[in-house]
């Protein structure tokens, strides 16, 4: 009888969570099927048409300026707020 053999390492909870999330995502994608794709296409077309309506009469330079200004406004609104602990992780380079 072997008594000195360690118990197998348990599966990490993060890995189990990731596997569960993928299984749920796949099942949801399958549930959407052909009807979901058709609905997505209708929504995309509507969103594209509305965006074109908003952009009507604006030059590319105007749109670039607007984008910059809106970015500044969003940054000002967030100023002083604590960044979430994961902020910037994607920007870090491995050491």
PDB file of N, CA and C in Angstrom:
ATOM      1  N   UNK A   1       0.851  -1.184   0.000  1.00  0.00           N
ATOM      2  CA  UNK A   1       0.000   0.000   0.000  1.00  0.00           C
ATOM      3  C   UNK A   1       0.888   1.235   0.000  1.00  0.00           C
ATOM      4  N   UNK A   2       0.633   2.151  -0.915  1.00  0.00           N
ATOM      5  CA  UNK A   2       1.415   3.380  -1.006  1.00  0.00           C
ATOM      6  C   UNK A   2       0.794   4.438  -0.109  1.00  0.00           C
ATOM      7  N   UNK A   3       1.578   4.958   0.815  1.00  0.00           N
ATOM      8  CA  UNK A   3       1.067   5.986   1.709  1.00  0.00           C
ATOM      9  C   UNK A   3       1.755   7.319   1.519  1.00  0.00           C
ATOM     10  N   UNK A   4       2.891   7.328   0.824  1.00  0.00           N
ATOM     11  CA  UNK A   4       3.668   8.565   0.649  1.00  0.00           C
ATOM     12  C   UNK A   4       3.358   9.282  -0.664  1.00  0.00           C
ATOM     13  N   UNK A   5       2.392   8.820  -1.416  1.00  0.00           N
ATOM     14  CA  UNK A   5       2.047   9.444  -2.701  1.00  0.00           C
ATOM     15  C   UNK A   5       1.131  10.634  -2.431  1.00  0.00           C
ATOM     16  N   UNK A   6       1.552  11.846  -2.865  1.00  0.00           N
ATOM     17  CA  UNK A   6       0.708  13.019  -2.618  1.00  0.00           C
ATOM     18  C   UNK A   6      -0.579  12.950  -3.434  1.00  0.00           C
ATOM     19  N   UNK A   7      -1.590  13.611  -2.921  1.00  0.00           N
ATOM     20  CA  UNK A   7      -2.860  13.707  -3.639  1.00  0.00           C
ATOM     21  C   UNK A   7      -2.661  14.553  -4.886  1.00  0.00           C
ATOM     22  N   UNK A   8      -3.397  14.275  -5.960  1.00  0.00           N
ATOM     23  CA  UNK A   8      -3.245  15.103  -7.160  1.00  0.00           C
ATOM     24  C   UNK A   8      -3.636  16.545  -6.870  1.00  0.00           C
ATOM     25  N   UNK A   9      -2.969  17.455  -7.573  1.00  0.00           N
ATOM     26  CA  UNK A   9      -3.247  18.880  -7.397  1.00  0.00           C
ATOM     27  C   UNK A   9      -4.651  19.171  -7.917  1.00  0.00           C
ATOM     28  N   UNK A  10      -5.463  19.862  -7.137  1.00  0.00           N
ATOM     29  CA  UNK A  10      -6.829  20.146  -7.606  1.00  0.00           C
ATOM     30  C   UNK A  10      -6.812  21.123  -8.779  1.00  0.00           C
ATOM     31  N   UNK A  11      -7.779  20.984  -9.639  1.00  0.00           N
ATOM     32  CA  UNK A  11      -7.920  21.879 -10.787  1.00  0.00           C
ATOM     33  C   UNK A  11      -8.148  23.297 -10.282  1.00  0.00           C
ATOM     34  N   UNK A  12      -7.353  24.274 -10.719  1.00  0.00           N
ATOM     35  CA  UNK A  12      -7.523  25.656 -10.239  1.00  0.00           C
ATOM     36  C   UNK A  12      -8.923  26.187 -10.548  1.00  0.00           C
ATOM     37  N   UNK A  13      -9.484  26.928  -9.614  1.00  0.00           N
ATOM     38  CA  UNK A  13     -10.837  27.464  -9.772  1.00  0.00           C
ATOM     39  C   UNK A  13     -10.920  28.414 -10.970  1.00  0.00           C
ATOM     40  N   UNK A  14      -9.851  29.173 -11.238  1.00  0.00           N
ATOM     41  CA  UNK A  14      -9.841  30.078 -12.396  1.00  0.00           C
ATOM     42  C   UNK A  14      -9.978  29.324 -13.699  1.00  0.00           C
ATOM     43  N   UNK A  15      -9.323  28.171 -13.790  1.00  0.00           N
ATOM     44  CA  UNK A  15      -9.426  27.357 -14.997  1.00  0.00           C
ATOM     45  C   UNK A  15     -10.834  26.793 -15.136  1.00  0.00           C
ATOM     46  N   UNK A  16     -11.403  26.338 -14.036  1.00  0.00           N
ATOM     47  CA  UNK A  16     -12.773  25.823 -14.084  1.00  0.00           C
ATOM     48  C   UNK A  16     -13.750  26.928 -14.488  1.00  0.00           C
ATOM     49  N   UNK A  17     -13.533  28.138 -13.963  1.00  0.00           N
ATOM     50  CA  UNK A  17     -14.393  29.271 -14.313  1.00  0.00           C
ATOM     51  C   UNK A  17     -14.285  29.585 -15.800  1.00  0.00           C
ATOM     52  N   UNK A  18     -13.062  29.588 -16.319  1.00  0.00           N
ATOM     53  CA  UNK A  18     -12.849  29.863 -17.740  1.00  0.00           C
ATOM     54  C   UNK A  18     -13.523  28.809 -18.612  1.00  0.00           C
ATOM     55  N   UNK A  19     -13.405  27.544 -18.233  1.00  0.00           N
ATOM     56  CA  UNK A  19     -14.038  26.474 -19.002  1.00  0.00           C
ATOM     57  C   UNK A  19     -15.555  26.619 -18.991  1.00  0.00           C
ATOM     58  N   UNK A  20     -16.104  26.957 -17.826  1.00  0.00           N
ATOM     59  CA  UNK A  20     -17.556  27.135 -17.723  1.00  0.00           C
ATOM     60  C   UNK A  20     -18.014  28.308 -18.585  1.00  0.00           C
ATOM     61  N   UNK A  21     -17.271  29.406 -18.547  1.00  0.00           N
ATOM     62  CA  UNK A  21     -17.637  30.587 -19.334  1.00  0.00           C
ATOM     63  C   UNK A  21     -17.624  30.264 -20.828  1.00  0.00           C
ATOM     64  N   UNK A  22     -16.625  29.525 -21.278  1.00  0.00           N
ATOM     65  CA  UNK A  22     -16.560  29.155 -22.695  1.00  0.00           C
ATOM     66  C   UNK A  22     -17.721  28.253 -23.089  1.00  0.00           C
ATOM     67  N   UNK A  23     -18.069  27.311 -22.206  1.00  0.00           N
ATOM     68  CA  UNK A  23     -19.186  26.416 -22.498  1.00  0.00           C
ATOM     69  C   UNK A  23     -20.494  27.194 -22.610  1.00  0.00           C
ATOM     70  N   UNK A  24     -20.694  28.146 -21.704  1.00  0.00           N
ATOM     71  CA  UNK A  24     -21.911  28.959 -21.745  1.00  0.00           C
ATOM     72  C   UNK A  24     -21.923  29.823 -23.007  1.00  0.00           C
ATOM     73  N   UNK A  25     -20.789  30.411 -23.352  1.00  0.00           N
ATOM     74  CA  UNK A  25     -20.713  31.257 -24.549  1.00  0.00           C
ATOM     75  C   UNK A  25     -21.030  30.453 -25.810  1.00  0.00           C
ATOM     76  N   UNK A  26     -20.449  29.251 -25.911  1.00  0.00           N
ATOM     77  CA  UNK A  26     -20.730  28.405 -27.082  1.00  0.00           C
ATOM     78  C   UNK A  26     -22.206  28.040 -27.160  1.00  0.00           C
ATOM     79  N   UNK A  27     -22.795  27.675 -26.021  1.00  0.00           N
ATOM     80  CA  UNK A  27     -24.207  27.306 -26.011  1.00  0.00           C
ATOM     81  C   UNK A  27     -25.087  28.486 -26.406  1.00  0.00           C
ATOM     82  N   UNK A  28     -24.741  29.680 -25.936  1.00  0.00           N
ATOM     83  CA  UNK A  28     -25.518  30.873 -26.280  1.00  0.00           C
ATOM     84  C   UNK A  28     -25.394  31.175 -27.773  1.00  0.00           C
ATOM     85  N   UNK A  29     -24.177  31.069 -28.311  1.00  0.00           N
ATOM     86  CA  UNK A  29     -23.973  31.304 -29.740  1.00  0.00           C
ATOM     87  C   UNK A  29     -24.816  30.338 -30.576  1.00  0.00           C
ATOM     88  N   UNK A  30     -24.853  29.085 -30.156  1.00  0.00           N
ATOM     89  CA  UNK A  30     -25.646  28.103 -30.884  1.00  0.00           C
ATOM     90  C   UNK A  30     -27.139  28.421 -30.793  1.00  0.00           C
ATOM     91  N   UNK A  31     -27.563  28.915 -29.647  1.00  0.00           N
ATOM     92  CA  UNK A  31     -28.977  29.235 -29.456  1.00  0.00           C
ATOM     93  C   UNK A  31     -29.408  30.404 -30.325  1.00  0.00           C
ATOM     94  N   UNK A  32     -28.480  31.267 -30.639  1.00  0.00           N
ATOM     95  CA  UNK A  32     -28.829  32.411 -31.480  1.00  0.00           C
ATOM     96  C   UNK A  32     -29.091  32.004 -32.916  1.00  0.00           C
ATOM     97  N   UNK A  33     -28.195  30.952 -33.456  1.00  0.00           N
ATOM     98  CA  UNK A  33     -28.376  30.455 -34.820  1.00  0.00           C
ATOM     99  C   UNK A  33     -28.637  31.505 -35.823  1.00  0.00           C
ATOM    100  N   UNK A  34     -29.447  31.104 -36.924  1.00  0.00           N
ATOM    101  CA  UNK A  34     -29.734  31.913 -38.109  1.00  0.00           C
ATOM    102  C   UNK A  34     -30.555  33.153 -37.765  1.00  0.00           C
ATOM    103  N   UNK A  35     -31.549  33.046 -36.871  1.00  0.00           N
ATOM    104  CA  UNK A  35     -32.389  34.194 -36.491  1.00  0.00           C
ATOM    105  C   UNK A  35     -31.544  35.277 -35.830  1.00  0.00           C
ATOM    106  N   UNK A  36     -30.578  34.873 -35.017  1.00  0.00           N
ATOM    107  CA  UNK A  36     -29.712  35.844 -34.356  1.00  0.00           C
ATOM    108  C   UNK A  36     -28.842  36.594 -35.351  1.00  0.00           C
ATOM    109  N   UNK A  37     -28.352  35.872 -36.339  1.00  0.00           N
ATOM    110  CA  UNK A  37     -27.529  36.518 -37.365  1.00  0.00           C
ATOM    111  C   UNK A  37     -28.348  37.523 -38.173  1.00  0.00           C
ATOM    112  N   UNK A  38     -29.580  37.185 -38.473  1.00  0.00           N
ATOM    113  CA  UNK A  38     -30.450  38.102 -39.219  1.00  0.00           C
ATOM    114  C   UNK A  38     -30.743  39.350 -38.396  1.00  0.00           C
ATOM    115  N   UNK A  39     -31.001  39.157 -37.090  1.00  0.00           N
ATOM    116  CA  UNK A  39     -31.259  40.308 -36.218  1.00  0.00           C
ATOM    117  C   UNK A  39     -30.027  41.187 -36.126  1.00  0.00           C
ATOM    118  N   UNK A  40     -28.845  40.567 -36.024  1.00  0.00           N
ATOM    119  CA  UNK A  40     -27.607  41.337 -35.963  1.00  0.00           C
ATOM    120  C   UNK A  40     -27.431  42.169 -37.235  1.00  0.00           C
ATOM    121  N   UNK A  41     -27.702  41.581 -38.376  1.00  0.00           N
ATOM    122  CA  UNK A  41     -27.560  42.305 -39.651  1.00  0.00           C
ATOM    123  C   UNK A  41     -28.502  43.505 -39.702  1.00  0.00           C
ATOM    124  N   UNK A  42     -29.754  43.318 -39.217  1.00  0.00           N
ATOM    125  CA  UNK A  42     -30.704  44.449 -39.212  1.00  0.00           C
ATOM    126  C   UNK A  42     -30.216  45.554 -38.280  1.00  0.00           C
ATOM    127  N   UNK A  43     -29.745  45.176 -37.107  1.00  0.00           N
ATOM    128  CA  UNK A  43     -29.256  46.180 -36.150  1.00  0.00           C
ATOM    129  C   UNK A  43     -28.030  46.903 -36.696  1.00  0.00           C
ATOM    130  N   UNK A  44     -27.136  46.150 -37.332  1.00  0.00           N
ATOM    131  CA  UNK A  44     -25.939  46.755 -37.904  1.00  0.00           C
ATOM    132  C   UNK A  44     -26.305  47.759 -38.977  1.00  0.00           C
ATOM    133  N   UNK A  45     -27.234  47.399 -39.844  1.00  0.00           N
ATOM    134  CA  UNK A  45     -27.647  48.300 -40.919  1.00  0.00           C
ATOM    135  C   UNK A  45     -28.291  49.566 -40.352  1.00  0.00           C
ATOM    136  N   UNK A  46     -29.115  49.415 -39.319  1.00  0.00           N
ATOM    137  CA  UNK A  46     -29.758  50.569 -38.688  1.00  0.00           C
ATOM    138  C   UNK A  46     -28.723  51.468 -38.031  1.00  0.00           C
ATOM    139  N   UNK A  47     -27.772  50.870 -37.324  1.00  0.00           N
ATOM    140  CA  UNK A  47     -26.727  51.651 -36.653  1.00  0.00           C
ATOM    141  C   UNK A  47     -25.861  52.390 -37.673  1.00  0.00           C
ATOM    142  N   UNK A  48     -25.545  51.723 -38.769  1.00  0.00           N
ATOM    143  CA  UNK A  48     -24.734  52.355 -39.814  1.00  0.00           C
ATOM    144  C   UNK A  48     -25.476  53.529 -40.447  1.00  0.00           C
ATOM    145  N   UNK A  49     -26.771  53.366 -40.720  1.00  0.00           N
ATOM    146  CA  UNK A  49     -27.566  54.443 -41.309  1.00  0.00           C
ATOM    147  C   UNK A  49     -27.676  55.622 -40.350  1.00  0.00           C
ATOM    148  N   UNK A  50     -27.851  55.351 -39.050  1.00  0.00           N
ATOM    149  CA  UNK A  50     -27.957  56.432 -38.073  1.00  0.00           C
ATOM    150  C   UNK A  50     -26.633  57.172 -37.947  1.00  0.00           C
ATOM    151  N   UNK A  51     -25.517  56.435 -37.971  1.00  0.00           N
ATOM    152  CA  UNK A  51     -24.202  57.076 -37.908  1.00  0.00           C
ATOM    153  C   UNK A  51     -23.994  57.984 -39.117  1.00  0.00           C
ATOM    154  N   UNK A  52     -24.419  57.529 -40.288  1.00  0.00           N
ATOM    155  CA  UNK A  52     -24.293  58.352 -41.500  1.00  0.00           C
ATOM    156  C   UNK A  52     -25.117  59.629 -41.367  1.00  0.00           C
ATOM    157  N   UNK A  53     -26.295  59.527 -40.754  1.00  0.00           N
ATOM    158  CA  UNK A  53     -27.141  60.701 -40.531  1.00  0.00           C
ATOM    159  C   UNK A  53     -26.429  61.705 -39.624  1.00  0.00           C
ATOM    160  N   UNK A  54     -25.789  61.202 -38.566  1.00  0.00           N
ATOM    161  CA  UNK A  54     -25.076  62.095 -37.644  1.00  0.00           C
ATOM    162  C   UNK A  54     -23.879  62.767 -38.306  1.00  0.00           C
ATOM    163  N   UNK A  55     -23.218  62.052 -39.210  1.00  0.00           N
ATOM    164  CA  UNK A  55     -22.015  62.574 -39.863  1.00  0.00           C
ATOM    165  C   UNK A  55     -22.315  63.494 -41.049  1.00  0.00           C
ATOM    166  N   UNK A  56     -23.556  63.554 -41.477  1.00  0.00           N
ATOM    167  CA  UNK A  56     -23.916  64.333 -42.663  1.00  0.00           C
ATOM    168  C   UNK A  56     -23.460  65.788 -42.521  1.00  0.00           C
ATOM    169  N   UNK A  57     -22.777  66.279 -43.549  1.00  0.00           N
ATOM    170  CA  UNK A  57     -22.344  67.670 -43.575  1.00  0.00           C
ATOM    171  C   UNK A  57     -21.087  67.967 -42.779  1.00  0.00           C
ATOM    172  N   UNK A  58     -20.502  66.968 -42.146  1.00  0.00           N
ATOM    173  CA  UNK A  58     -19.281  67.184 -41.370  1.00  0.00           C
ATOM    174  C   UNK A  58     -18.072  66.707 -42.164  1.00  0.00           C
ATOM    175  N   UNK A  59     -17.065  67.557 -42.241  1.00  0.00           N
ATOM    176  CA  UNK A  59     -15.830  67.191 -42.930  1.00  0.00           C
ATOM    177  C   UNK A  59     -15.026  66.234 -42.049  1.00  0.00           C
ATOM    178  N   UNK A  60     -14.115  65.497 -42.668  1.00  0.00           N
ATOM    179  CA  UNK A  60     -13.269  64.567 -41.909  1.00  0.00           C
ATOM    180  C   UNK A  60     -12.509  65.284 -40.800  1.00  0.00           C
ATOM    181  N   UNK A  61     -12.026  66.499 -41.082  1.00  0.00           N
ATOM    182  CA  UNK A  61     -11.298  67.264 -40.063  1.00  0.00           C
ATOM    183  C   UNK A  61     -12.211  67.617 -38.890  1.00  0.00           C
ATOM    184  N   UNK A  62     -13.463  67.959 -39.193  1.00  0.00           N
ATOM    185  CA  UNK A  62     -14.435  68.253 -38.135  1.00  0.00           C
ATOM    186  C   UNK A  62     -14.687  67.015 -37.271  1.00  0.00           C
ATOM    187  N   UNK A  63     -14.820  65.862 -37.919  1.00  0.00           N
ATOM    188  CA  UNK A  63     -15.057  64.621 -37.181  1.00  0.00           C
ATOM    189  C   UNK A  63     -13.858  64.260 -36.307  1.00  0.00           C
ATOM    190  N   UNK A  64     -12.649  64.510 -36.811  1.00  0.00           N
ATOM    191  CA  UNK A  64     -11.445  64.237 -36.021  1.00  0.00           C
ATOM    192  C   UNK A  64     -11.385  65.153 -34.805  1.00  0.00           C
ATOM    193  N   UNK A  65     -11.707  66.429 -35.004  1.00  0.00           N
ATOM    194  CA  UNK A  65     -11.729  67.381 -33.890  1.00  0.00           C
ATOM    195  C   UNK A  65     -12.786  66.981 -32.865  1.00  0.00           C
ATOM    196  N   UNK A  66     -13.957  66.604 -33.336  1.00  0.00           N
ATOM    197  CA  UNK A  66     -15.034  66.175 -32.447  1.00  0.00           C
ATOM    198  C   UNK A  66     -14.603  64.962 -31.619  1.00  0.00           C
ATOM    199  N   UNK A  67     -13.968  64.006 -32.272  1.00  0.00           N
ATOM    200  CA  UNK A  67     -13.506  62.812 -31.574  1.00  0.00           C
ATOM    201  C   UNK A  67     -12.494  63.170 -30.483  1.00  0.00           C
ATOM    202  N   UNK A  68     -11.572  64.067 -30.806  1.00  0.00           N
ATOM    203  CA  UNK A  68     -10.581  64.504 -29.822  1.00  0.00           C
ATOM    204  C   UNK A  68     -11.244  65.207 -28.650  1.00  0.00           C
ATOM    205  N   UNK A  69     -12.169  66.119 -28.949  1.00  0.00           N
ATOM    206  CA  UNK A  69     -12.860  66.857 -27.888  1.00  0.00           C
ATOM    207  C   UNK A  69     -13.677  65.927 -26.987  1.00  0.00           C
ATOM    208  N   UNK A  70     -14.374  64.970 -27.590  1.00  0.00           N
ATOM    209  CA  UNK A  70     -15.154  64.033 -26.788  1.00  0.00           C
ATOM    210  C   UNK A  70     -14.240  63.171 -25.911  1.00  0.00           C
ATOM    211  N   UNK A  71     -13.086  62.814 -26.434  1.00  0.00           N
ATOM    212  CA  UNK A  71     -12.106  62.070 -25.639  1.00  0.00           C
ATOM    213  C   UNK A  71     -11.631  62.871 -24.444  1.00  0.00           C
ATOM    214  N   UNK A  72     -11.383  64.176 -24.660  1.00  0.00           N
ATOM    215  CA  UNK A  72     -10.969  65.053 -23.553  1.00  0.00           C
ATOM    216  C   UNK A  72     -12.081  65.181 -22.510  1.00  0.00           C
ATOM    217  N   UNK A  73     -13.318  65.332 -22.976  1.00  0.00           N
ATOM    218  CA  UNK A  73     -14.435  65.438 -22.034  1.00  0.00           C
ATOM    219  C   UNK A  73     -14.568  64.173 -21.192  1.00  0.00           C
ATOM    220  N   UNK A  74     -14.430  63.016 -21.818  1.00  0.00           N
ATOM    221  CA  UNK A  74     -14.520  61.754 -21.079  1.00  0.00           C
ATOM    222  C   UNK A  74     -13.389  61.640 -20.069  1.00  0.00           C
ATOM    223  N   UNK A  75     -12.174  62.050 -20.467  1.00  0.00           N
ATOM    224  CA  UNK A  75     -11.037  61.997 -19.542  1.00  0.00           C
ATOM    225  C   UNK A  75     -11.249  62.952 -18.374  1.00  0.00           C
ATOM    226  N   UNK A  76     -11.781  64.143 -18.654  1.00  0.00           N
ATOM    227  CA  UNK A  76     -12.051  65.102 -17.582  1.00  0.00           C
ATOM    228  C   UNK A  76     -13.093  64.566 -16.613  1.00  0.00           C
ATOM    229  N   UNK A  77     -14.089  63.866 -17.137  1.00  0.00           N
ATOM    230  CA  UNK A  77     -15.137  63.312 -16.283  1.00  0.00           C
ATOM    231  C   UNK A  77     -14.576  62.231 -15.369  1.00  0.00           C
ATOM    232  N   UNK A  78     -13.565  61.505 -15.851  1.00  0.00           N
ATOM    233  CA  UNK A  78     -12.958  60.438 -15.050  1.00  0.00           C
ATOM    234  C   UNK A  78     -11.857  60.946 -14.140  1.00  0.00           C
ATOM    235  N   UNK A  79     -11.427  62.186 -14.311  1.00  0.00           N
ATOM    236  CA  UNK A  79     -10.306  62.718 -13.535  1.00  0.00           C
ATOM    237  C   UNK A  79     -10.600  62.601 -12.044  1.00  0.00           C
ATOM    238  N   UNK A  80      -9.638  62.103 -11.325  1.00  0.00           N
ATOM    239  CA  UNK A  80      -9.783  61.971  -9.883  1.00  0.00           C
ATOM    240  C   UNK A  80     -10.392  60.653  -9.457  1.00  0.00           C
ATOM    241  N   UNK A  81     -10.959  59.917 -10.382  1.00  0.00           N
ATOM    242  CA  UNK A  81     -11.510  58.610 -10.045  1.00  0.00           C
ATOM    243  C   UNK A  81     -10.373  57.608  -9.960  1.00  0.00           C
ATOM    244  N   UNK A  82     -10.495  56.683  -9.047  1.00  0.00           N
ATOM    245  CA  UNK A  82      -9.492  55.631  -8.947  1.00  0.00           C
ATOM    246  C   UNK A  82      -9.632  54.700 -10.139  1.00  0.00           C
ATOM    247  N   UNK A  83      -8.514  54.388 -10.742  1.00  0.00           N
ATOM    248  CA  UNK A  83      -8.527  53.456 -11.868  1.00  0.00           C
ATOM    249  C   UNK A  83      -8.766  52.047 -11.336  1.00  0.00           C
ATOM    250  N   UNK A  84      -9.458  51.221 -12.088  1.00  0.00           N
ATOM    251  CA  UNK A  84      -9.650  49.846 -11.641  1.00  0.00           C
ATOM    252  C   UNK A  84      -8.302  49.138 -11.581  1.00  0.00           C
ATOM    253  N   UNK A  85      -8.173  48.112 -10.750  1.00  0.00           N
ATOM    254  CA  UNK A  85      -6.880  47.456 -10.572  1.00  0.00           C
ATOM    255  C   UNK A  85      -6.322  46.844 -11.847  1.00  0.00           C
ATOM    256  N   UNK A  86      -7.169  46.560 -12.832  1.00  0.00           N
ATOM    257  CA  UNK A  86      -6.695  45.955 -14.070  1.00  0.00           C
ATOM    258  C   UNK A  86      -6.337  46.983 -15.133  1.00  0.00           C
ATOM    259  N   UNK A  87      -6.544  48.265 -14.842  1.00  0.00           N
ATOM    260  CA  UNK A  87      -6.264  49.311 -15.835  1.00  0.00           C
ATOM    261  C   UNK A  87      -4.796  49.263 -16.243  1.00  0.00           C
ATOM    262  N   UNK A  88      -4.563  49.287 -17.525  1.00  0.00           N
ATOM    263  CA  UNK A  88      -3.206  49.338 -18.050  1.00  0.00           C
ATOM    264  C   UNK A  88      -2.504  47.998 -18.150  1.00  0.00           C
ATOM    265  N   UNK A  89      -3.121  46.923 -17.701  1.00  0.00           N
ATOM    266  CA  UNK A  89      -2.450  45.627 -17.758  1.00  0.00           C
ATOM    267  C   UNK A  89      -2.118  45.219 -19.183  1.00  0.00           C
ATOM    268  N   UNK A  90      -2.996  45.525 -20.117  1.00  0.00           N
ATOM    269  CA  UNK A  90      -2.755  45.144 -21.507  1.00  0.00           C
ATOM    270  C   UNK A  90      -1.594  45.939 -22.099  1.00  0.00           C
ATOM    271  N   UNK A  91      -1.263  47.087 -21.502  1.00  0.00           N
ATOM    272  CA  UNK A  91      -0.193  47.923 -22.017  1.00  0.00           C
ATOM    273  C   UNK A  91       1.177  47.542 -21.480  1.00  0.00           C
ATOM    274  N   UNK A  92       1.209  46.743 -20.415  1.00  0.00           N
ATOM    275  CA  UNK A  92       2.474  46.383 -19.784  1.00  0.00           C
ATOM    276  C   UNK A  92       3.235  45.380 -20.644  1.00  0.00           C
ATOM    277  N   UNK A  93       4.555  45.552 -20.640  1.00  0.00           N
ATOM    278  CA  UNK A  93       5.412  44.608 -21.360  1.00  0.00           C
ATOM    279  C   UNK A  93       5.978  43.609 -20.343  1.00  0.00           C
ATOM    280  N   UNK A  94       6.133  42.376 -20.745  1.00  0.00           N
ATOM    281  CA  UNK A  94       6.698  41.388 -19.817  1.00  0.00           C
ATOM    282  C   UNK A  94       8.114  41.789 -19.431  1.00  0.00           C
ATOM    283  N   UNK A  95       8.433  41.511 -18.200  1.00  0.00           N
ATOM    284  CA  UNK A  95       9.779  41.878 -17.702  1.00  0.00           C
ATOM    285  C   UNK A  95      10.795  40.847 -18.061  1.00  0.00           C
TER     286      UNK A  95
END
